[in-house]
């Protein structure tokens, strides 16, 4: 299972780099039931950190790094992830801590992936 978790982490990294322009420095994935839980650090770009110098930009960045990311996964249909875990992707829950540059994303699938 650890091999699949690492492969899933690599896909998360790849998708973020391709669609957002920056991949996280560190991605750890754990499978639990029908969830793939990804913990990421170092996901913010230099531009993001520049914007964060002004507190008025925090809400915009929080929206971009949560709601827009969820929309992205709805649009791209992560086929490679589905093939890896042999389950259908249902939805994504995600949150970001801008101050500590940490992200937690929970990928929900239609059956157990453990």
PDB file of N, CA and C in Angstrom:
ATOM      1  N   UNK A   1       0.830  -1.199   0.000  1.00  0.00           N
ATOM      2  CA  UNK A   1       0.000   0.000   0.000  1.00  0.00           C
ATOM      3  C   UNK A   1       0.870   1.256   0.000  1.00  0.00           C
ATOM      4  N   UNK A   2       1.999   1.229   0.700  1.00  0.00           N
ATOM      5  CA  UNK A   2       2.849   2.408   0.765  1.00  0.00           C
ATOM      6  C   UNK A   2       3.324   2.821  -0.625  1.00  0.00           C
ATOM      7  N   UNK A   3       3.546   1.853  -1.493  1.00  0.00           N
ATOM      8  CA  UNK A   3       3.961   2.148  -2.868  1.00  0.00           C
ATOM      9  C   UNK A   3       2.861   2.936  -3.582  1.00  0.00           C
ATOM     10  N   UNK A   4       1.594   2.537  -3.405  1.00  0.00           N
ATOM     11  CA  UNK A   4       0.474   3.258  -4.021  1.00  0.00           C
ATOM     12  C   UNK A   4       0.306   4.644  -3.420  1.00  0.00           C
ATOM     13  N   UNK A   5       0.526   4.776  -2.114  1.00  0.00           N
ATOM     14  CA  UNK A   5       0.430   6.098  -1.480  1.00  0.00           C
ATOM     15  C   UNK A   5       1.488   7.041  -2.056  1.00  0.00           C
ATOM     16  N   UNK A   6       2.703   6.531  -2.264  1.00  0.00           N
ATOM     17  CA  UNK A   6       3.763   7.360  -2.852  1.00  0.00           C
ATOM     18  C   UNK A   6       3.428   7.711  -4.299  1.00  0.00           C
ATOM     19  N   UNK A   7       2.904   6.761  -5.039  1.00  0.00           N
ATOM     20  CA  UNK A   7       2.511   7.029  -6.429  1.00  0.00           C
ATOM     21  C   UNK A   7       1.394   8.075  -6.467  1.00  0.00           C
ATOM     22  N   UNK A   8       0.462   7.995  -5.517  1.00  0.00           N
ATOM     23  CA  UNK A   8      -0.629   8.974  -5.441  1.00  0.00           C
ATOM     24  C   UNK A   8      -0.051  10.352  -5.119  1.00  0.00           C
ATOM     25  N   UNK A   9       0.900  10.407  -4.191  1.00  0.00           N
ATOM     26  CA  UNK A   9       1.552  11.679  -3.848  1.00  0.00           C
ATOM     27  C   UNK A   9       2.230  12.277  -5.074  1.00  0.00           C
ATOM     28  N   UNK A  10       2.857  11.449  -5.883  1.00  0.00           N
ATOM     29  CA  UNK A  10       3.500  11.926  -7.108  1.00  0.00           C
ATOM     30  C   UNK A  10       2.472  12.490  -8.081  1.00  0.00           C
ATOM     31  N   UNK A  11       1.288  11.866  -8.154  1.00  0.00           N
ATOM     32  CA  UNK A  11       0.234  12.393  -9.024  1.00  0.00           C
ATOM     33  C   UNK A  11      -0.275  13.742  -8.514  1.00  0.00           C
ATOM     34  N   UNK A  12      -0.462  13.862  -7.204  1.00  0.00           N
ATOM     35  CA  UNK A  12      -0.884  15.149  -6.631  1.00  0.00           C
ATOM     36  C   UNK A  12       0.128  16.221  -7.006  1.00  0.00           C
ATOM     37  N   UNK A  13       1.401  15.919  -6.821  1.00  0.00           N
ATOM     38  CA  UNK A  13       2.479  16.860  -7.155  1.00  0.00           C
ATOM     39  C   UNK A  13       2.424  17.242  -8.641  1.00  0.00           C
ATOM     40  N   UNK A  14       2.267  16.243  -9.485  1.00  0.00           N
ATOM     41  CA  UNK A  14       2.234  16.463 -10.933  1.00  0.00           C
ATOM     42  C   UNK A  14       1.039  17.324 -11.349  1.00  0.00           C
ATOM     43  N   UNK A  15      -0.149  17.007 -10.828  1.00  0.00           N
ATOM     44  CA  UNK A  15      -1.346  17.777 -11.169  1.00  0.00           C
ATOM     45  C   UNK A  15      -1.207  19.228 -10.734  1.00  0.00           C
ATOM     46  N   UNK A  16      -0.688  19.437  -9.532  1.00  0.00           N
ATOM     47  CA  UNK A  16      -0.551  20.805  -9.032  1.00  0.00           C
ATOM     48  C   UNK A  16       0.460  21.585  -9.862  1.00  0.00           C
ATOM     49  N   UNK A  17       1.556  20.942 -10.224  1.00  0.00           N
ATOM     50  CA  UNK A  17       2.558  21.628 -11.045  1.00  0.00           C
ATOM     51  C   UNK A  17       1.980  21.979 -12.418  1.00  0.00           C
ATOM     52  N   UNK A  18       1.272  21.026 -13.015  1.00  0.00           N
ATOM     53  CA  UNK A  18       0.718  21.238 -14.358  1.00  0.00           C
ATOM     54  C   UNK A  18      -0.373  22.306 -14.369  1.00  0.00           C
ATOM     55  N   UNK A  19      -1.262  22.295 -13.378  1.00  0.00           N
ATOM     56  CA  UNK A  19      -2.439  23.156 -13.426  1.00  0.00           C
ATOM     57  C   UNK A  19      -2.320  24.430 -12.583  1.00  0.00           C
ATOM     58  N   UNK A  20      -1.384  24.455 -11.637  1.00  0.00           N
ATOM     59  CA  UNK A  20      -1.243  25.624 -10.778  1.00  0.00           C
ATOM     60  C   UNK A  20       0.088  26.325 -11.021  1.00  0.00           C
ATOM     61  N   UNK A  21       1.070  25.563 -11.503  1.00  0.00           N
ATOM     62  CA  UNK A  21       2.352  26.166 -11.818  1.00  0.00           C
ATOM     63  C   UNK A  21       3.421  25.914 -10.764  1.00  0.00           C
ATOM     64  N   UNK A  22       3.024  25.411  -9.598  1.00  0.00           N
ATOM     65  CA  UNK A  22       3.989  25.107  -8.543  1.00  0.00           C
ATOM     66  C   UNK A  22       3.535  23.851  -7.826  1.00  0.00           C
ATOM     67  N   UNK A  23       4.492  22.929  -7.698  1.00  0.00           N
ATOM     68  CA  UNK A  23       4.181  21.724  -6.932  1.00  0.00           C
ATOM     69  C   UNK A  23       4.671  21.911  -5.498  1.00  0.00           C
ATOM     70  N   UNK A  24       4.053  21.223  -4.551  1.00  0.00           N
ATOM     71  CA  UNK A  24       4.483  21.330  -3.158  1.00  0.00           C
ATOM     72  C   UNK A  24       5.891  20.764  -2.984  1.00  0.00           C
ATOM     73  N   UNK A  25       6.604  21.283  -1.991  1.00  0.00           N
ATOM     74  CA  UNK A  25       7.930  20.753  -1.698  1.00  0.00           C
ATOM     75  C   UNK A  25       7.835  19.365  -1.090  1.00  0.00           C
ATOM     76  N   UNK A  26       6.784  19.127  -0.304  1.00  0.00           N
ATOM     77  CA  UNK A  26       6.617  17.840   0.367  1.00  0.00           C
ATOM     78  C   UNK A  26       5.154  17.417   0.286  1.00  0.00           C
ATOM     79  N   UNK A  27       4.917  16.161  -0.063  1.00  0.00           N
ATOM     80  CA  UNK A  27       3.564  15.604  -0.106  1.00  0.00           C
ATOM     81  C   UNK A  27       3.597  14.248   0.584  1.00  0.00           C
ATOM     82  N   UNK A  28       2.749  14.077   1.588  1.00  0.00           N
ATOM     83  CA  UNK A  28       2.587  12.792   2.256  1.00  0.00           C
ATOM     84  C   UNK A  28       1.142  12.361   2.089  1.00  0.00           C
ATOM     85  N   UNK A  29       0.937  11.120   1.652  1.00  0.00           N
ATOM     86  CA  UNK A  29      -0.418  10.609   1.423  1.00  0.00           C
ATOM     87  C   UNK A  29      -0.650   9.382   2.292  1.00  0.00           C
ATOM     88  N   UNK A  30      -1.839   9.334   2.877  1.00  0.00           N
ATOM     89  CA  UNK A  30      -2.284   8.183   3.651  1.00  0.00           C
ATOM     90  C   UNK A  30      -3.649   7.768   3.130  1.00  0.00           C
ATOM     91  N   UNK A  31      -3.826   6.485   2.884  1.00  0.00           N
ATOM     92  CA  UNK A  31      -5.130   5.955   2.486  1.00  0.00           C
ATOM     93  C   UNK A  31      -5.875   5.502   3.734  1.00  0.00           C
ATOM     94  N   UNK A  32      -7.143   5.889   3.810  1.00  0.00           N
ATOM     95  CA  UNK A  32      -7.994   5.466   4.922  1.00  0.00           C
ATOM     96  C   UNK A  32      -9.401   5.279   4.381  1.00  0.00           C
ATOM     97  N   UNK A  33      -9.860   4.040   4.330  1.00  0.00           N
ATOM     98  CA  UNK A  33     -11.180   3.770   3.781  1.00  0.00           C
ATOM     99  C   UNK A  33     -11.258   4.234   2.336  1.00  0.00           C
ATOM    100  N   UNK A  34     -12.220   5.087   2.044  1.00  0.00           N
ATOM    101  CA  UNK A  34     -12.377   5.600   0.680  1.00  0.00           C
ATOM    102  C   UNK A  34     -11.691   6.958   0.490  1.00  0.00           C
ATOM    103  N   UNK A  35     -10.841   7.322   1.440  1.00  0.00           N
ATOM    104  CA  UNK A  35     -10.146   8.611   1.383  1.00  0.00           C
ATOM    105  C   UNK A  35      -8.662   8.448   1.098  1.00  0.00           C
ATOM    106  N   UNK A  36      -8.144   9.384   0.313  1.00  0.00           N
ATOM    107  CA  UNK A  36      -6.700   9.580   0.176  1.00  0.00           C
ATOM    108  C   UNK A  36      -6.432  10.950   0.804  1.00  0.00           C
ATOM    109  N   UNK A  37      -5.723  10.954   1.922  1.00  0.00           N
ATOM    110  CA  UNK A  37      -5.464  12.185   2.657  1.00  0.00           C
ATOM    111  C   UNK A  37      -4.058  12.651   2.313  1.00  0.00           C
ATOM    112  N   UNK A  38      -3.970  13.844   1.733  1.00  0.00           N
ATOM    113  CA  UNK A  38      -2.681  14.402   1.325  1.00  0.00           C
ATOM    114  C   UNK A  38      -2.341  15.600   2.204  1.00  0.00           C
ATOM    115  N   UNK A  39      -1.173  15.533   2.829  1.00  0.00           N
ATOM    116  CA  UNK A  39      -0.650  16.646   3.622  1.00  0.00           C
ATOM    117  C   UNK A  39       0.521  17.218   2.842  1.00  0.00           C
ATOM    118  N   UNK A  40       0.460  18.517   2.573  1.00  0.00           N
ATOM    119  CA  UNK A  40       1.480  19.164   1.755  1.00  0.00           C
ATOM    120  C   UNK A  40       2.067  20.379   2.460  1.00  0.00           C
ATOM    121  N   UNK A  41       3.349  20.588   2.235  1.00  0.00           N
ATOM    122  CA  UNK A  41       4.011  21.807   2.695  1.00  0.00           C
ATOM    123  C   UNK A  41       4.778  22.402   1.518  1.00  0.00           C
ATOM    124  N   UNK A  42       4.999  23.700   1.606  1.00  0.00           N
ATOM    125  CA  UNK A  42       5.741  24.371   0.540  1.00  0.00           C
ATOM    126  C   UNK A  42       4.958  24.484  -0.752  1.00  0.00           C
ATOM    127  N   UNK A  43       3.645  24.693  -0.639  1.00  0.00           N
ATOM    128  CA  UNK A  43       2.794  24.753  -1.825  1.00  0.00           C
ATOM    129  C   UNK A  43       2.623  26.172  -2.369  1.00  0.00           C
ATOM    130  N   UNK A  44       2.938  27.173  -1.557  1.00  0.00           N
ATOM    131  CA  UNK A  44       2.752  28.549  -1.996  1.00  0.00           C
ATOM    132  C   UNK A  44       3.920  28.998  -2.875  1.00  0.00           C
ATOM    133  N   UNK A  45       3.599  29.763  -3.900  1.00  0.00           N
ATOM    134  CA  UNK A  45       4.625  30.270  -4.811  1.00  0.00           C
ATOM    135  C   UNK A  45       5.230  31.558  -4.256  1.00  0.00           C
ATOM    136  N   UNK A  46       6.274  32.022  -4.900  1.00  0.00           N
ATOM    137  CA  UNK A  46       6.878  33.301  -4.525  1.00  0.00           C
ATOM    138  C   UNK A  46       5.867  34.434  -4.697  1.00  0.00           C
ATOM    139  N   UNK A  47       5.064  34.343  -5.736  1.00  0.00           N
ATOM    140  CA  UNK A  47       4.037  35.366  -5.972  1.00  0.00           C
ATOM    141  C   UNK A  47       2.995  35.327  -4.856  1.00  0.00           C
ATOM    142  N   UNK A  48       2.566  34.132  -4.457  1.00  0.00           N
ATOM    143  CA  UNK A  48       1.614  34.011  -3.342  1.00  0.00           C
ATOM    144  C   UNK A  48       2.175  34.683  -2.091  1.00  0.00           C
ATOM    145  N   UNK A  49       3.419  34.373  -1.772  1.00  0.00           N
ATOM    146  CA  UNK A  49       4.038  34.954  -0.576  1.00  0.00           C
ATOM    147  C   UNK A  49       4.186  36.467  -0.701  1.00  0.00           C
ATOM    148  N   UNK A  50       4.437  36.954  -1.901  1.00  0.00           N
ATOM    149  CA  UNK A  50       4.487  38.399  -2.128  1.00  0.00           C
ATOM    150  C   UNK A  50       3.124  39.025  -1.823  1.00  0.00           C
ATOM    151  N   UNK A  51       2.054  38.409  -2.331  1.00  0.00           N
ATOM    152  CA  UNK A  51       0.701  38.917  -2.073  1.00  0.00           C
ATOM    153  C   UNK A  51       0.349  38.876  -0.591  1.00  0.00           C
ATOM    154  N   UNK A  52       0.859  37.879   0.114  1.00  0.00           N
ATOM    155  CA  UNK A  52       0.530  37.733   1.534  1.00  0.00           C
ATOM    156  C   UNK A  52       1.164  38.818   2.411  1.00  0.00           C
ATOM    157  N   UNK A  53       2.035  39.618   1.840  1.00  0.00           N
ATOM    158  CA  UNK A  53       2.598  40.750   2.598  1.00  0.00           C
ATOM    159  C   UNK A  53       1.520  41.773   2.922  1.00  0.00           C
ATOM    160  N   UNK A  54       0.425  41.729   2.167  1.00  0.00           N
ATOM    161  CA  UNK A  54      -0.718  42.610   2.402  1.00  0.00           C
ATOM    162  C   UNK A  54      -1.893  41.725   2.829  1.00  0.00           C
ATOM    163  N   UNK A  55      -2.349  41.898   4.052  1.00  0.00           N
ATOM    164  CA  UNK A  55      -3.411  41.051   4.618  1.00  0.00           C
ATOM    165  C   UNK A  55      -4.691  41.076   3.794  1.00  0.00           C
ATOM    166  N   UNK A  56      -4.892  42.123   3.002  1.00  0.00           N
ATOM    167  CA  UNK A  56      -6.108  42.200   2.178  1.00  0.00           C
ATOM    168  C   UNK A  56      -6.148  41.100   1.124  1.00  0.00           C
ATOM    169  N   UNK A  57      -5.028  40.483   0.828  1.00  0.00           N
ATOM    170  CA  UNK A  57      -4.970  39.436  -0.195  1.00  0.00           C
ATOM    171  C   UNK A  57      -5.204  38.033   0.363  1.00  0.00           C
ATOM    172  N   UNK A  58      -5.258  37.895   1.680  1.00  0.00           N
ATOM    173  CA  UNK A  58      -5.390  36.574   2.283  1.00  0.00           C
ATOM    174  C   UNK A  58      -6.656  35.846   1.832  1.00  0.00           C
ATOM    175  N   UNK A  59      -7.775  36.527   1.835  1.00  0.00           N
ATOM    176  CA  UNK A  59      -9.037  35.868   1.468  1.00  0.00           C
ATOM    177  C   UNK A  59      -9.029  35.416   0.010  1.00  0.00           C
ATOM    178  N   UNK A  60      -8.455  36.235  -0.865  1.00  0.00           N
ATOM    179  CA  UNK A  60      -8.344  35.861  -2.284  1.00  0.00           C
ATOM    180  C   UNK A  60      -7.484  34.614  -2.438  1.00  0.00           C
ATOM    181  N   UNK A  61      -6.350  34.570  -1.734  1.00  0.00           N
ATOM    182  CA  UNK A  61      -5.476  33.401  -1.832  1.00  0.00           C
ATOM    183  C   UNK A  61      -6.113  32.169  -1.208  1.00  0.00           C
ATOM    184  N   UNK A  62      -6.797  32.340  -0.100  1.00  0.00           N
ATOM    185  CA  UNK A  62      -7.485  31.215   0.537  1.00  0.00           C
ATOM    186  C   UNK A  62      -8.535  30.637  -0.424  1.00  0.00           C
ATOM    187  N   UNK A  63      -9.292  31.517  -1.072  1.00  0.00           N
ATOM    188  CA  UNK A  63     -10.298  31.077  -2.043  1.00  0.00           C
ATOM    189  C   UNK A  63      -9.627  30.336  -3.208  1.00  0.00           C
ATOM    190  N   UNK A  64      -8.547  30.907  -3.733  1.00  0.00           N
ATOM    191  CA  UNK A  64      -7.850  30.297  -4.869  1.00  0.00           C
ATOM    192  C   UNK A  64      -7.278  28.933  -4.504  1.00  0.00           C
ATOM    193  N   UNK A  65      -6.780  28.798  -3.287  1.00  0.00           N
ATOM    194  CA  UNK A  65      -6.124  27.562  -2.872  1.00  0.00           C
ATOM    195  C   UNK A  65      -7.077  26.540  -2.262  1.00  0.00           C
ATOM    196  N   UNK A  66      -8.353  26.862  -2.179  1.00  0.00           N
ATOM    197  CA  UNK A  66      -9.338  25.884  -1.699  1.00  0.00           C
ATOM    198  C   UNK A  66     -10.431  25.690  -2.743  1.00  0.00           C
ATOM    199  N   UNK A  67     -11.284  26.664  -2.918  1.00  0.00           N
ATOM    200  CA  UNK A  67     -12.442  26.524  -3.808  1.00  0.00           C
ATOM    201  C   UNK A  67     -12.036  26.340  -5.272  1.00  0.00           C
ATOM    202  N   UNK A  68     -11.048  27.086  -5.728  1.00  0.00           N
ATOM    203  CA  UNK A  68     -10.633  26.960  -7.129  1.00  0.00           C
ATOM    204  C   UNK A  68      -9.963  25.606  -7.370  1.00  0.00           C
ATOM    205  N   UNK A  69      -9.225  25.120  -6.378  1.00  0.00           N
ATOM    206  CA  UNK A  69      -8.605  23.792  -6.502  1.00  0.00           C
ATOM    207  C   UNK A  69      -9.680  22.710  -6.590  1.00  0.00           C
ATOM    208  N   UNK A  70     -10.730  22.826  -5.772  1.00  0.00           N
ATOM    209  CA  UNK A  70     -11.829  21.853  -5.842  1.00  0.00           C
ATOM    210  C   UNK A  70     -12.480  21.880  -7.226  1.00  0.00           C
ATOM    211  N   UNK A  71     -12.700  23.064  -7.768  1.00  0.00           N
ATOM    212  CA  UNK A  71     -13.276  23.192  -9.107  1.00  0.00           C
ATOM    213  C   UNK A  71     -12.368  22.553 -10.154  1.00  0.00           C
ATOM    214  N   UNK A  72     -11.073  22.740  -9.988  1.00  0.00           N
ATOM    215  CA  UNK A  72     -10.109  22.174 -10.923  1.00  0.00           C
ATOM    216  C   UNK A  72     -10.243  20.657 -10.998  1.00  0.00           C
ATOM    217  N   UNK A  73     -10.308  19.991  -9.845  1.00  0.00           N
ATOM    218  CA  UNK A  73     -10.415  18.536  -9.849  1.00  0.00           C
ATOM    219  C   UNK A  73     -11.749  18.074 -10.425  1.00  0.00           C
ATOM    220  N   UNK A  74     -12.797  18.880 -10.299  1.00  0.00           N
ATOM    221  CA  UNK A  74     -14.071  18.547 -10.941  1.00  0.00           C
ATOM    222  C   UNK A  74     -13.933  18.630 -12.462  1.00  0.00           C
ATOM    223  N   UNK A  75     -13.139  19.580 -12.939  1.00  0.00           N
ATOM    224  CA  UNK A  75     -12.991  19.802 -14.377  1.00  0.00           C
ATOM    225  C   UNK A  75     -12.036  18.811 -15.041  1.00  0.00           C
ATOM    226  N   UNK A  76     -10.943  18.474 -14.375  1.00  0.00           N
ATOM    227  CA  UNK A  76      -9.930  17.652 -15.045  1.00  0.00           C
ATOM    228  C   UNK A  76     -10.204  16.159 -14.949  1.00  0.00           C
ATOM    229  N   UNK A  77     -11.099  15.732 -14.053  1.00  0.00           N
ATOM    230  CA  UNK A  77     -11.374  14.312 -13.835  1.00  0.00           C
ATOM    231  C   UNK A  77     -10.055  13.537 -13.734  1.00  0.00           C
ATOM    232  N   UNK A  78      -9.573  13.335 -12.537  1.00  0.00           N
ATOM    233  CA  UNK A  78      -8.241  12.735 -12.327  1.00  0.00           C
ATOM    234  C   UNK A  78      -8.190  11.241 -12.642  1.00  0.00           C
ATOM    235  N   UNK A  79      -8.220  10.917 -13.928  1.00  0.00           N
ATOM    236  CA  UNK A  79      -8.238   9.530 -14.387  1.00  0.00           C
ATOM    237  C   UNK A  79      -7.074   8.711 -13.839  1.00  0.00           C
ATOM    238  N   UNK A  80      -5.876   9.300 -13.818  1.00  0.00           N
ATOM    239  CA  UNK A  80      -4.709   8.551 -13.354  1.00  0.00           C
ATOM    240  C   UNK A  80      -4.852   8.144 -11.883  1.00  0.00           C
ATOM    241  N   UNK A  81      -5.434   9.033 -11.085  1.00  0.00           N
ATOM    242  CA  UNK A  81      -5.674   8.702  -9.681  1.00  0.00           C
ATOM    243  C   UNK A  81      -6.684   7.562  -9.572  1.00  0.00           C
ATOM    244  N   UNK A  82      -7.739   7.658 -10.364  1.00  0.00           N
ATOM    245  CA  UNK A  82      -8.770   6.619 -10.338  1.00  0.00           C
ATOM    246  C   UNK A  82      -8.183   5.263 -10.733  1.00  0.00           C
ATOM    247  N   UNK A  83      -7.346   5.242 -11.763  1.00  0.00           N
ATOM    248  CA  UNK A  83      -6.725   3.991 -12.198  1.00  0.00           C
ATOM    249  C   UNK A  83      -5.821   3.425 -11.110  1.00  0.00           C
ATOM    250  N   UNK A  84      -5.067   4.290 -10.463  1.00  0.00           N
ATOM    251  CA  UNK A  84      -4.134   3.848  -9.431  1.00  0.00           C
ATOM    252  C   UNK A  84      -4.852   3.172  -8.264  1.00  0.00           C
ATOM    253  N   UNK A  85      -5.959   3.758  -7.824  1.00  0.00           N
ATOM    254  CA  UNK A  85      -6.663   3.225  -6.646  1.00  0.00           C
ATOM    255  C   UNK A  85      -7.847   2.338  -7.020  1.00  0.00           C
ATOM    256  N   UNK A  86      -8.118   2.210  -8.302  1.00  0.00           N
ATOM    257  CA  UNK A  86      -9.219   1.385  -8.803  1.00  0.00           C
ATOM    258  C   UNK A  86     -10.550   1.787  -8.168  1.00  0.00           C
ATOM    259  N   UNK A  87     -10.815   3.093  -8.203  1.00  0.00           N
ATOM    260  CA  UNK A  87     -12.067   3.631  -7.661  1.00  0.00           C
ATOM    261  C   UNK A  87     -12.372   4.948  -8.371  1.00  0.00           C
ATOM    262  N   UNK A  88     -13.634   5.335  -8.329  1.00  0.00           N
ATOM    263  CA  UNK A  88     -14.096   6.562  -8.979  1.00  0.00           C
ATOM    264  C   UNK A  88     -13.958   7.749  -8.025  1.00  0.00           C
ATOM    265  N   UNK A  89     -13.328   8.829  -8.513  1.00  0.00           N
ATOM    266  CA  UNK A  89     -13.190  10.058  -7.735  1.00  0.00           C
ATOM    267  C   UNK A  89     -14.565  10.699  -7.564  1.00  0.00           C
ATOM    268  N   UNK A  90     -14.909  11.071  -6.320  1.00  0.00           N
ATOM    269  CA  UNK A  90     -16.202  11.682  -6.019  1.00  0.00           C
ATOM    270  C   UNK A  90     -16.063  13.185  -5.794  1.00  0.00           C
ATOM    271  N   UNK A  91     -15.192  13.571  -4.850  1.00  0.00           N
ATOM    272  CA  UNK A  91     -15.002  14.999  -4.577  1.00  0.00           C
ATOM    273  C   UNK A  91     -13.750  15.211  -3.759  1.00  0.00           C
ATOM    274  N   UNK A  92     -13.408  16.485  -3.615  1.00  0.00           N
ATOM    275  CA  UNK A  92     -12.219  16.894  -2.881  1.00  0.00           C
ATOM    276  C   UNK A  92     -12.599  17.865  -1.772  1.00  0.00           C
ATOM    277  N   UNK A  93     -12.078  17.598  -0.583  1.00  0.00           N
ATOM    278  CA  UNK A  93     -12.133  18.566   0.512  1.00  0.00           C
ATOM    279  C   UNK A  93     -10.713  19.080   0.676  1.00  0.00           C
ATOM    280  N   UNK A  94     -10.538  20.379   0.851  1.00  0.00           N
ATOM    281  CA  UNK A  94      -9.190  20.900   1.027  1.00  0.00           C
ATOM    282  C   UNK A  94      -9.205  22.165   1.866  1.00  0.00           C
ATOM    283  N   UNK A  95      -8.119  22.366   2.586  1.00  0.00           N
ATOM    284  CA  UNK A  95      -7.947  23.579   3.371  1.00  0.00           C
ATOM    285  C   UNK A  95      -6.471  23.946   3.359  1.00  0.00           C
ATOM    286  N   UNK A  96      -6.201  25.231   3.579  1.00  0.00           N
ATOM    287  CA  UNK A  96      -4.838  25.728   3.549  1.00  0.00           C
ATOM    288  C   UNK A  96      -4.579  26.600   4.773  1.00  0.00           C
ATOM    289  N   UNK A  97      -3.385  26.483   5.306  1.00  0.00           N
ATOM    290  CA  UNK A  97      -2.908  27.385   6.346  1.00  0.00           C
ATOM    291  C   UNK A  97      -1.858  28.257   5.674  1.00  0.00           C
ATOM    292  N   UNK A  98      -2.248  29.470   5.333  1.00  0.00           N
ATOM    293  CA  UNK A  98      -1.364  30.356   4.580  1.00  0.00           C
ATOM    294  C   UNK A  98      -0.139  30.761   5.382  1.00  0.00           C
ATOM    295  N   UNK A  99      -0.295  30.982   6.676  1.00  0.00           N
ATOM    296  CA  UNK A  99       0.824  31.423   7.510  1.00  0.00           C
ATOM    297  C   UNK A  99       1.919  30.354   7.583  1.00  0.00           C
ATOM    298  N   UNK A 100       1.521  29.082   7.674  1.00  0.00           N
ATOM    299  CA  UNK A 100       2.497  27.999   7.796  1.00  0.00           C
ATOM    300  C   UNK A 100       2.761  27.277   6.476  1.00  0.00           C
ATOM    301  N   UNK A 101       2.093  27.709   5.395  1.00  0.00           N
ATOM    302  CA  UNK A 101       2.250  27.103   4.074  1.00  0.00           C
ATOM    303  C   UNK A 101       2.011  25.597   4.129  1.00  0.00           C
ATOM    304  N   UNK A 102       0.846  25.222   4.687  1.00  0.00           N
ATOM    305  CA  UNK A 102       0.448  23.827   4.781  1.00  0.00           C
ATOM    306  C   UNK A 102      -0.918  23.642   4.131  1.00  0.00           C
ATOM    307  N   UNK A 103      -1.099  22.503   3.498  1.00  0.00           N
ATOM    308  CA  UNK A 103      -2.358  22.167   2.843  1.00  0.00           C
ATOM    309  C   UNK A 103      -2.733  20.749   3.233  1.00  0.00           C
ATOM    310  N   UNK A 104      -4.015  20.546   3.516  1.00  0.00           N
ATOM    311  CA  UNK A 104      -4.539  19.195   3.697  1.00  0.00           C
ATOM    312  C   UNK A 104      -5.669  19.029   2.687  1.00  0.00           C
ATOM    313  N   UNK A 105      -5.556  17.991   1.887  1.00  0.00           N
ATOM    314  CA  UNK A 105      -6.587  17.675   0.901  1.00  0.00           C
ATOM    315  C   UNK A 105      -7.054  16.251   1.121  1.00  0.00           C
ATOM    316  N   UNK A 106      -8.356  16.058   1.085  1.00  0.00           N
ATOM    317  CA  UNK A 106      -8.934  14.724   1.214  1.00  0.00           C
ATOM    318  C   UNK A 106      -9.663  14.410  -0.092  1.00  0.00           C
ATOM    319  N   UNK A 107      -9.132  13.425  -0.802  1.00  0.00           N
ATOM    320  CA  UNK A 107      -9.724  12.964  -2.050  1.00  0.00           C
ATOM    321  C   UNK A 107     -10.689  11.837  -1.682  1.00  0.00           C
ATOM    322  N   UNK A 108     -11.949  11.967  -2.041  1.00  0.00           N
ATOM    323  CA  UNK A 108     -12.969  10.990  -1.685  1.00  0.00           C
ATOM    324  C   UNK A 108     -13.287  10.138  -2.918  1.00  0.00           C
ATOM    325  N   UNK A 109     -13.256   8.827  -2.724  1.00  0.00           N
ATOM    326  CA  UNK A 109     -13.552   7.890  -3.796  1.00  0.00           C
ATOM    327  C   UNK A 109     -14.805   7.084  -3.468  1.00  0.00           C
ATOM    328  N   UNK A 110     -15.327   6.374  -4.457  1.00  0.00           N
ATOM    329  CA  UNK A 110     -16.615   5.694  -4.292  1.00  0.00           C
ATOM    330  C   UNK A 110     -16.521   4.361  -3.574  1.00  0.00           C
ATOM    331  N   UNK A 111     -15.319   3.902  -3.237  1.00  0.00           N
ATOM    332  CA  UNK A 111     -15.158   2.657  -2.482  1.00  0.00           C
ATOM    333  C   UNK A 111     -13.803   2.694  -1.766  1.00  0.00           C
ATOM    334  N   UNK A 112     -13.607   1.742  -0.899  1.00  0.00           N
ATOM    335  CA  UNK A 112     -12.355   1.685  -0.137  1.00  0.00           C
ATOM    336  C   UNK A 112     -11.157   1.565  -1.078  1.00  0.00           C
ATOM    337  N   UNK A 113     -10.115   2.299  -0.764  1.00  0.00           N
ATOM    338  CA  UNK A 113      -8.883   2.249  -1.554  1.00  0.00           C
ATOM    339  C   UNK A 113      -7.726   1.662  -0.748  1.00  0.00           C
ATOM    340  N   UNK A 114      -8.020   1.222   0.454  1.00  0.00           N
ATOM    341  CA  UNK A 114      -6.971   0.637   1.311  1.00  0.00           C
ATOM    342  C   UNK A 114      -6.527  -0.721   0.798  1.00  0.00           C
TER     343      UNK A 114
END
